[in-house]
Amino acid sequence: MIDLESERLLIRNFRSDDWNDLHDYLSIEEVLKYEPGEVCNEENCKQMTLERSQSNIFMAVVLRENKKK
C-alpha cells in the first residue's frame, strides 16, 4: 500500500468505495474529450475501481479539505 501526503493532498491506492468520485468526473463527456475511452456509468465505475483497488498501477488523489477524490 502506498500513501503519500502533503498539506493539501493524500495520494493513495484506489479503494473499491472510490467508485462514486470516479463516476463524478468520468460521467462528463467534456472531461473525456482528450482522453481515451467513453463516458462511464455507475456500474462501469464500480468495476473500474474494483480492478484499480487490486493493483498499484493507478492512484487516487484525495483533497484533504473535503475528502474528494
PDB file of N, CA and C in Angstrom:
ATOM      1  N   MET A   1       0.846  -1.187   0.000  1.00  0.00           N
ATOM      2  CA  MET A   1       0.000   0.000   0.000  1.00  0.00           C
ATOM      3  C   MET A   1       0.881   1.236   0.000  1.00  0.00           C
ATOM      4  N   ILE A   2       0.474   2.203  -0.810  1.00  0.00           N
ATOM      5  CA  ILE A   2       1.240   3.433  -0.950  1.00  0.00           C
ATOM      6  C   ILE A   2       0.404   4.597  -0.441  1.00  0.00           C
ATOM      7  N   ASP A   3       0.973   5.412   0.442  1.00  0.00           N
ATOM      8  CA  ASP A   3       0.347   6.638   0.928  1.00  0.00           C
ATOM      9  C   ASP A   3       1.389   7.744   0.893  1.00  0.00           C
ATOM     10  N   LEU A   4       1.091   8.795   0.146  1.00  0.00           N
ATOM     11  CA  LEU A   4       1.921   9.990   0.110  1.00  0.00           C
ATOM     12  C   LEU A   4       1.054  11.149   0.556  1.00  0.00           C
ATOM     13  N   GLU A   5       1.605  12.010   1.415  1.00  0.00           N
ATOM     14  CA  GLU A   5       0.804  13.099   1.956  1.00  0.00           C
ATOM     15  C   GLU A   5       1.500  14.440   1.798  1.00  0.00           C
ATOM     16  N   SER A   6       0.690  15.467   1.549  1.00  0.00           N
ATOM     17  CA  SER A   6       1.145  16.847   1.595  1.00  0.00           C
ATOM     18  C   SER A   6       0.119  17.618   2.417  1.00  0.00           C
ATOM     19  N   GLU A   7       0.284  18.919   2.512  1.00  0.00           N
ATOM     20  CA  GLU A   7      -0.688  19.714   3.272  1.00  0.00           C
ATOM     21  C   GLU A   7      -2.085  19.621   2.664  1.00  0.00           C
ATOM     22  N   ARG A   8      -2.165  19.575   1.344  1.00  0.00           N
ATOM     23  CA  ARG A   8      -3.458  19.600   0.652  1.00  0.00           C
ATOM     24  C   ARG A   8      -3.929  18.256   0.128  1.00  0.00           C
ATOM     25  N   LEU A   9      -3.003  17.324  -0.106  1.00  0.00           N
ATOM     26  CA  LEU A   9      -3.360  16.099  -0.809  1.00  0.00           C
ATOM     27  C   LEU A   9      -2.946  14.839  -0.076  1.00  0.00           C
ATOM     28  N   LEU A  10      -3.677  13.784  -0.344  1.00  0.00           N
ATOM     29  CA  LEU A  10      -3.306  12.431   0.042  1.00  0.00           C
ATOM     30  C   LEU A  10      -3.338  11.621  -1.249  1.00  0.00           C
ATOM     31  N   ILE A  11      -2.221  10.986  -1.579  1.00  0.00           N
ATOM     32  CA  ILE A  11      -2.140  10.138  -2.765  1.00  0.00           C
ATOM     33  C   ILE A  11      -2.015   8.712  -2.248  1.00  0.00           C
ATOM     34  N   ARG A  12      -2.969   7.886  -2.656  1.00  0.00           N
ATOM     35  CA  ARG A  12      -3.031   6.535  -2.100  1.00  0.00           C
ATOM     36  C   ARG A  12      -3.558   5.561  -3.137  1.00  0.00           C
ATOM     37  N   ASN A  13      -3.500   4.302  -2.802  1.00  0.00           N
ATOM     38  CA  ASN A  13      -4.077   3.278  -3.660  1.00  0.00           C
ATOM     39  C   ASN A  13      -5.588   3.466  -3.756  1.00  0.00           C
ATOM     40  N   PHE A  14      -6.142   3.070  -4.885  1.00  0.00           N
ATOM     41  CA  PHE A  14      -7.593   3.077  -5.035  1.00  0.00           C
ATOM     42  C   PHE A  14      -8.213   2.098  -4.051  1.00  0.00           C
ATOM     43  N   ARG A  15      -9.431   2.421  -3.629  1.00  0.00           N
ATOM     44  CA  ARG A  15     -10.256   1.509  -2.842  1.00  0.00           C
ATOM     45  C   ARG A  15     -11.553   1.292  -3.605  1.00  0.00           C
ATOM     46  N   SER A  16     -12.158   0.161  -3.411  1.00  0.00           N
ATOM     47  CA  SER A  16     -13.382  -0.147  -4.163  1.00  0.00           C
ATOM     48  C   SER A  16     -14.504   0.859  -3.894  1.00  0.00           C
ATOM     49  N   ASP A  17     -14.482   1.527  -2.750  1.00  0.00           N
ATOM     50  CA  ASP A  17     -15.530   2.506  -2.454  1.00  0.00           C
ATOM     51  C   ASP A  17     -15.259   3.888  -3.074  1.00  0.00           C
ATOM     52  N   ASP A  18     -14.212   4.005  -3.885  1.00  0.00           N
ATOM     53  CA  ASP A  18     -13.910   5.261  -4.583  1.00  0.00           C
ATOM     54  C   ASP A  18     -14.750   5.439  -5.847  1.00  0.00           C
ATOM     55  N   TRP A  19     -15.594   4.474  -6.165  1.00  0.00           N
ATOM     56  CA  TRP A  19     -16.309   4.488  -7.443  1.00  0.00           C
ATOM     57  C   TRP A  19     -17.150   5.740  -7.652  1.00  0.00           C
ATOM     58  N   ASN A  20     -17.780   6.261  -6.609  1.00  0.00           N
ATOM     59  CA  ASN A  20     -18.667   7.409  -6.765  1.00  0.00           C
ATOM     60  C   ASN A  20     -17.898   8.653  -7.207  1.00  0.00           C
ATOM     61  N   ASP A  21     -16.732   8.892  -6.596  1.00  0.00           N
ATOM     62  CA  ASP A  21     -15.929  10.042  -7.002  1.00  0.00           C
ATOM     63  C   ASP A  21     -15.371   9.854  -8.405  1.00  0.00           C
ATOM     64  N   LEU A  22     -14.997   8.649  -8.754  1.00  0.00           N
ATOM     65  CA  LEU A  22     -14.535   8.362 -10.110  1.00  0.00           C
ATOM     66  C   LEU A  22     -15.667   8.636 -11.105  1.00  0.00           C
ATOM     67  N   HIS A  23     -16.856   8.221 -10.761  1.00  0.00           N
ATOM     68  CA  HIS A  23     -18.020   8.450 -11.620  1.00  0.00           C
ATOM     69  C   HIS A  23     -18.317   9.939 -11.777  1.00  0.00           C
ATOM     70  N   ASP A  24     -18.081  10.719 -10.728  1.00  0.00           N
ATOM     71  CA  ASP A  24     -18.352  12.151 -10.797  1.00  0.00           C
ATOM     72  C   ASP A  24     -17.665  12.819 -11.984  1.00  0.00           C
ATOM     73  N   TYR A  25     -16.447  12.402 -12.313  1.00  0.00           N
ATOM     74  CA  TYR A  25     -15.797  13.044 -13.452  1.00  0.00           C
ATOM     75  C   TYR A  25     -15.777  12.189 -14.716  1.00  0.00           C
ATOM     76  N   LEU A  26     -15.824  10.887 -14.600  1.00  0.00           N
ATOM     77  CA  LEU A  26     -15.834  10.056 -15.816  1.00  0.00           C
ATOM     78  C   LEU A  26     -17.202   9.984 -16.471  1.00  0.00           C
ATOM     79  N   SER A  27     -18.208  10.577 -15.861  1.00  0.00           N
ATOM     80  CA  SER A  27     -19.545  10.611 -16.458  1.00  0.00           C
ATOM     81  C   SER A  27     -19.780  11.905 -17.233  1.00  0.00           C
ATOM     82  N   ILE A  28     -18.770  12.755 -17.313  1.00  0.00           N
ATOM     83  CA  ILE A  28     -18.894  14.042 -18.004  1.00  0.00           C
ATOM     84  C   ILE A  28     -18.157  13.964 -19.343  1.00  0.00           C
ATOM     85  N   GLU A  29     -18.893  14.053 -20.417  1.00  0.00           N
ATOM     86  CA  GLU A  29     -18.324  13.908 -21.756  1.00  0.00           C
ATOM     87  C   GLU A  29     -17.197  14.910 -22.011  1.00  0.00           C
ATOM     88  N   GLU A  30     -17.376  16.137 -21.568  1.00  0.00           N
ATOM     89  CA  GLU A  30     -16.379  17.186 -21.789  1.00  0.00           C
ATOM     90  C   GLU A  30     -15.037  16.868 -21.113  1.00  0.00           C
ATOM     91  N   VAL A  31     -15.077  16.211 -19.973  1.00  0.00           N
ATOM     92  CA  VAL A  31     -13.856  15.829 -19.258  1.00  0.00           C
ATOM     93  C   VAL A  31     -13.049  14.820 -20.074  1.00  0.00           C
ATOM     94  N   LEU A  32     -13.739  13.958 -20.790  1.00  0.00           N
ATOM     95  CA  LEU A  32     -13.084  12.889 -21.543  1.00  0.00           C
ATOM     96  C   LEU A  32     -12.754  13.276 -22.980  1.00  0.00           C
ATOM     97  N   LYS A  33     -12.922  14.525 -23.322  1.00  0.00           N
ATOM     98  CA  LYS A  33     -12.720  14.973 -24.694  1.00  0.00           C
ATOM     99  C   LYS A  33     -11.353  14.579 -25.252  1.00  0.00           C
ATOM    100  N   TYR A  34     -10.298  14.700 -24.462  1.00  0.00           N
ATOM    101  CA  TYR A  34      -8.944  14.409 -24.933  1.00  0.00           C
ATOM    102  C   TYR A  34      -8.362  13.145 -24.312  1.00  0.00           C
ATOM    103  N   GLU A  35      -9.206  12.344 -23.728  1.00  0.00           N
ATOM    104  CA  GLU A  35      -8.780  11.104 -23.092  1.00  0.00           C
ATOM    105  C   GLU A  35      -9.324   9.909 -23.864  1.00  0.00           C
ATOM    106  N   PRO A  36      -8.618   8.791 -23.808  1.00  0.00           N
ATOM    107  CA  PRO A  36      -9.187   7.598 -24.443  1.00  0.00           C
ATOM    108  C   PRO A  36     -10.373   7.084 -23.620  1.00  0.00           C
ATOM    109  N   GLY A  37     -11.273   6.442 -24.257  1.00  0.00           N
ATOM    110  CA  GLY A  37     -12.412   5.874 -23.540  1.00  0.00           C
ATOM    111  C   GLY A  37     -13.662   6.707 -23.721  1.00  0.00           C
ATOM    112  N   GLU A  38     -14.712   6.210 -23.119  1.00  0.00           N
ATOM    113  CA  GLU A  38     -16.020   6.829 -23.237  1.00  0.00           C
ATOM    114  C   GLU A  38     -16.573   7.152 -21.849  1.00  0.00           C
ATOM    115  N   VAL A  39     -17.664   7.901 -21.851  1.00  0.00           N
ATOM    116  CA  VAL A  39     -18.354   8.232 -20.605  1.00  0.00           C
ATOM    117  C   VAL A  39     -18.733   6.936 -19.893  1.00  0.00           C
ATOM    118  N   CYS A  40     -18.532   6.906 -18.581  1.00  0.00           N
ATOM    119  CA  CYS A  40     -18.798   5.695 -17.788  1.00  0.00           C
ATOM    120  C   CYS A  40     -20.067   5.851 -16.957  1.00  0.00           C
ATOM    121  N   ASN A  41     -20.818   4.768 -16.859  1.00  0.00           N
ATOM    122  CA  ASN A  41     -21.967   4.760 -15.958  1.00  0.00           C
ATOM    123  C   ASN A  41     -21.509   4.246 -14.584  1.00  0.00           C
ATOM    124  N   GLU A  42     -22.421   4.188 -13.640  1.00  0.00           N
ATOM    125  CA  GLU A  42     -22.061   3.775 -12.277  1.00  0.00           C
ATOM    126  C   GLU A  42     -21.491   2.365 -12.232  1.00  0.00           C
ATOM    127  N   GLU A  43     -22.084   1.448 -12.955  1.00  0.00           N
ATOM    128  CA  GLU A  43     -21.593   0.061 -12.931  1.00  0.00           C
ATOM    129  C   GLU A  43     -20.178  -0.044 -13.495  1.00  0.00           C
ATOM    130  N   ASN A  44     -19.901   0.701 -14.583  1.00  0.00           N
ATOM    131  CA  ASN A  44     -18.548   0.712 -15.142  1.00  0.00           C
ATOM    132  C   ASN A  44     -17.545   1.232 -14.118  1.00  0.00           C
ATOM    133  N   CYS A  45     -17.915   2.284 -13.423  1.00  0.00           N
ATOM    134  CA  CYS A  45     -17.014   2.879 -12.431  1.00  0.00           C
ATOM    135  C   CYS A  45     -16.808   1.959 -11.231  1.00  0.00           C
ATOM    136  N   LYS A  46     -17.847   1.248 -10.831  1.00  0.00           N
ATOM    137  CA  LYS A  46     -17.692   0.279  -9.738  1.00  0.00           C
ATOM    138  C   LYS A  46     -16.706  -0.811 -10.130  1.00  0.00           C
ATOM    139  N   GLN A  47     -16.823  -1.317 -11.343  1.00  0.00           N
ATOM    140  CA  GLN A  47     -15.912  -2.352 -11.820  1.00  0.00           C
ATOM    141  C   GLN A  47     -14.489  -1.806 -11.955  1.00  0.00           C
ATOM    142  N   MET A  48     -14.379  -0.585 -12.482  1.00  0.00           N
ATOM    143  CA  MET A  48     -13.073   0.028 -12.674  1.00  0.00           C
ATOM    144  C   MET A  48     -12.344   0.237 -11.333  1.00  0.00           C
ATOM    145  N   THR A  49     -13.062   0.726 -10.324  1.00  0.00           N
ATOM    146  CA  THR A  49     -12.406   0.940  -9.032  1.00  0.00           C
ATOM    147  C   THR A  49     -12.059  -0.384  -8.366  1.00  0.00           C
ATOM    148  N   LEU A  50     -12.877  -1.398  -8.556  1.00  0.00           N
ATOM    149  CA  LEU A  50     -12.550  -2.714  -8.014  1.00  0.00           C
ATOM    150  C   LEU A  50     -11.242  -3.214  -8.620  1.00  0.00           C
ATOM    151  N   GLU A  51     -11.112  -3.103  -9.940  1.00  0.00           N
ATOM    152  CA  GLU A  51      -9.878  -3.522 -10.614  1.00  0.00           C
ATOM    153  C   GLU A  51      -8.687  -2.682 -10.166  1.00  0.00           C
ATOM    154  N   ARG A  52      -8.887  -1.369 -10.075  1.00  0.00           N
ATOM    155  CA  ARG A  52      -7.789  -0.478  -9.674  1.00  0.00           C
ATOM    156  C   ARG A  52      -7.388  -0.690  -8.220  1.00  0.00           C
ATOM    157  N   SER A  53      -8.320  -1.106  -7.397  1.00  0.00           N
ATOM    158  CA  SER A  53      -8.005  -1.322  -5.983  1.00  0.00           C
ATOM    159  C   SER A  53      -7.152  -2.570  -5.762  1.00  0.00           C
ATOM    160  N   GLN A  54      -7.040  -3.401  -6.780  1.00  0.00           N
ATOM    161  CA  GLN A  54      -6.287  -4.645  -6.654  1.00  0.00           C
ATOM    162  C   GLN A  54      -4.879  -4.552  -7.243  1.00  0.00           C
ATOM    163  N   SER A  55      -4.449  -3.334  -7.590  1.00  0.00           N
ATOM    164  CA  SER A  55      -3.101  -3.166  -8.135  1.00  0.00           C
ATOM    165  C   SER A  55      -2.499  -1.843  -7.641  1.00  0.00           C
ATOM    166  N   ASN A  56      -1.231  -1.633  -7.939  1.00  0.00           N
ATOM    167  CA  ASN A  56      -0.563  -0.388  -7.585  1.00  0.00           C
ATOM    168  C   ASN A  56      -0.337   0.499  -8.799  1.00  0.00           C
ATOM    169  N   ILE A  57      -1.008   0.215  -9.902  1.00  0.00           N
ATOM    170  CA  ILE A  57      -0.795   0.973 -11.127  1.00  0.00           C
ATOM    171  C   ILE A  57      -1.476   2.343 -11.067  1.00  0.00           C
ATOM    172  N   PHE A  58      -2.711   2.388 -10.596  1.00  0.00           N
ATOM    173  CA  PHE A  58      -3.462   3.635 -10.513  1.00  0.00           C
ATOM    174  C   PHE A  58      -3.513   4.115  -9.070  1.00  0.00           C
ATOM    175  N   MET A  59      -3.454   5.440  -8.900  1.00  0.00           N
ATOM    176  CA  MET A  59      -3.507   6.026  -7.560  1.00  0.00           C
ATOM    177  C   MET A  59      -4.694   6.984  -7.480  1.00  0.00           C
ATOM    178  N   ALA A  60      -5.254   7.104  -6.306  1.00  0.00           N
ATOM    179  CA  ALA A  60      -6.313   8.078  -6.046  1.00  0.00           C
ATOM    180  C   ALA A  60      -5.665   9.306  -5.420  1.00  0.00           C
ATOM    181  N   VAL A  61      -6.052  10.477  -5.901  1.00  0.00           N
ATOM    182  CA  VAL A  61      -5.575  11.742  -5.345  1.00  0.00           C
ATOM    183  C   VAL A  61      -6.754  12.358  -4.601  1.00  0.00           C
ATOM    184  N   VAL A  62      -6.591  12.539  -3.294  1.00  0.00           N
ATOM    185  CA  VAL A  62      -7.678  12.981  -2.429  1.00  0.00           C
ATOM    186  C   VAL A  62      -7.370  14.371  -1.892  1.00  0.00           C
ATOM    187  N   LEU A  63      -8.319  15.307  -2.065  1.00  0.00           N
ATOM    188  CA  LEU A  63      -8.178  16.626  -1.457  1.00  0.00           C
ATOM    189  C   LEU A  63      -8.477  16.496   0.024  1.00  0.00           C
ATOM    190  N   ARG A  64      -7.552  16.899   0.853  1.00  0.00           N
ATOM    191  CA  ARG A  64      -7.730  16.751   2.295  1.00  0.00           C
ATOM    192  C   ARG A  64      -8.908  17.557   2.826  1.00  0.00           C
ATOM    193  N   GLU A  65      -9.150  18.744   2.290  1.00  0.00           N
ATOM    194  CA  GLU A  65     -10.158  19.640   2.846  1.00  0.00           C
ATOM    195  C   GLU A  65     -11.573  19.078   2.765  1.00  0.00           C
ATOM    196  N   ASN A  66     -11.860  18.270   1.725  1.00  0.00           N
ATOM    197  CA  ASN A  66     -13.222  17.749   1.600  1.00  0.00           C
ATOM    198  C   ASN A  66     -13.284  16.254   1.306  1.00  0.00           C
ATOM    199  N   LYS A  67     -12.130  15.604   1.346  1.00  0.00           N
ATOM    200  CA  LYS A  67     -12.019  14.154   1.101  1.00  0.00           C
ATOM    201  C   LYS A  67     -12.461  13.761  -0.301  1.00  0.00           C
ATOM    202  N   LYS A  68     -12.542  14.741  -1.209  1.00  0.00           N
ATOM    203  CA  LYS A  68     -12.974  14.485  -2.580  1.00  0.00           C
ATOM    204  C   LYS A  68     -11.814  13.889  -3.374  1.00  0.00           C
ATOM    205  N   LYS A  69     -12.099  12.833  -4.120  1.00  0.00           N
ATOM    206  CA  LYS A  69     -11.079  12.171  -4.924  1.00  0.00           C
ATOM    207  C   LYS A  69     -11.159  12.650  -6.338  1.00  0.00           C
TER     208      LYS A  69
END
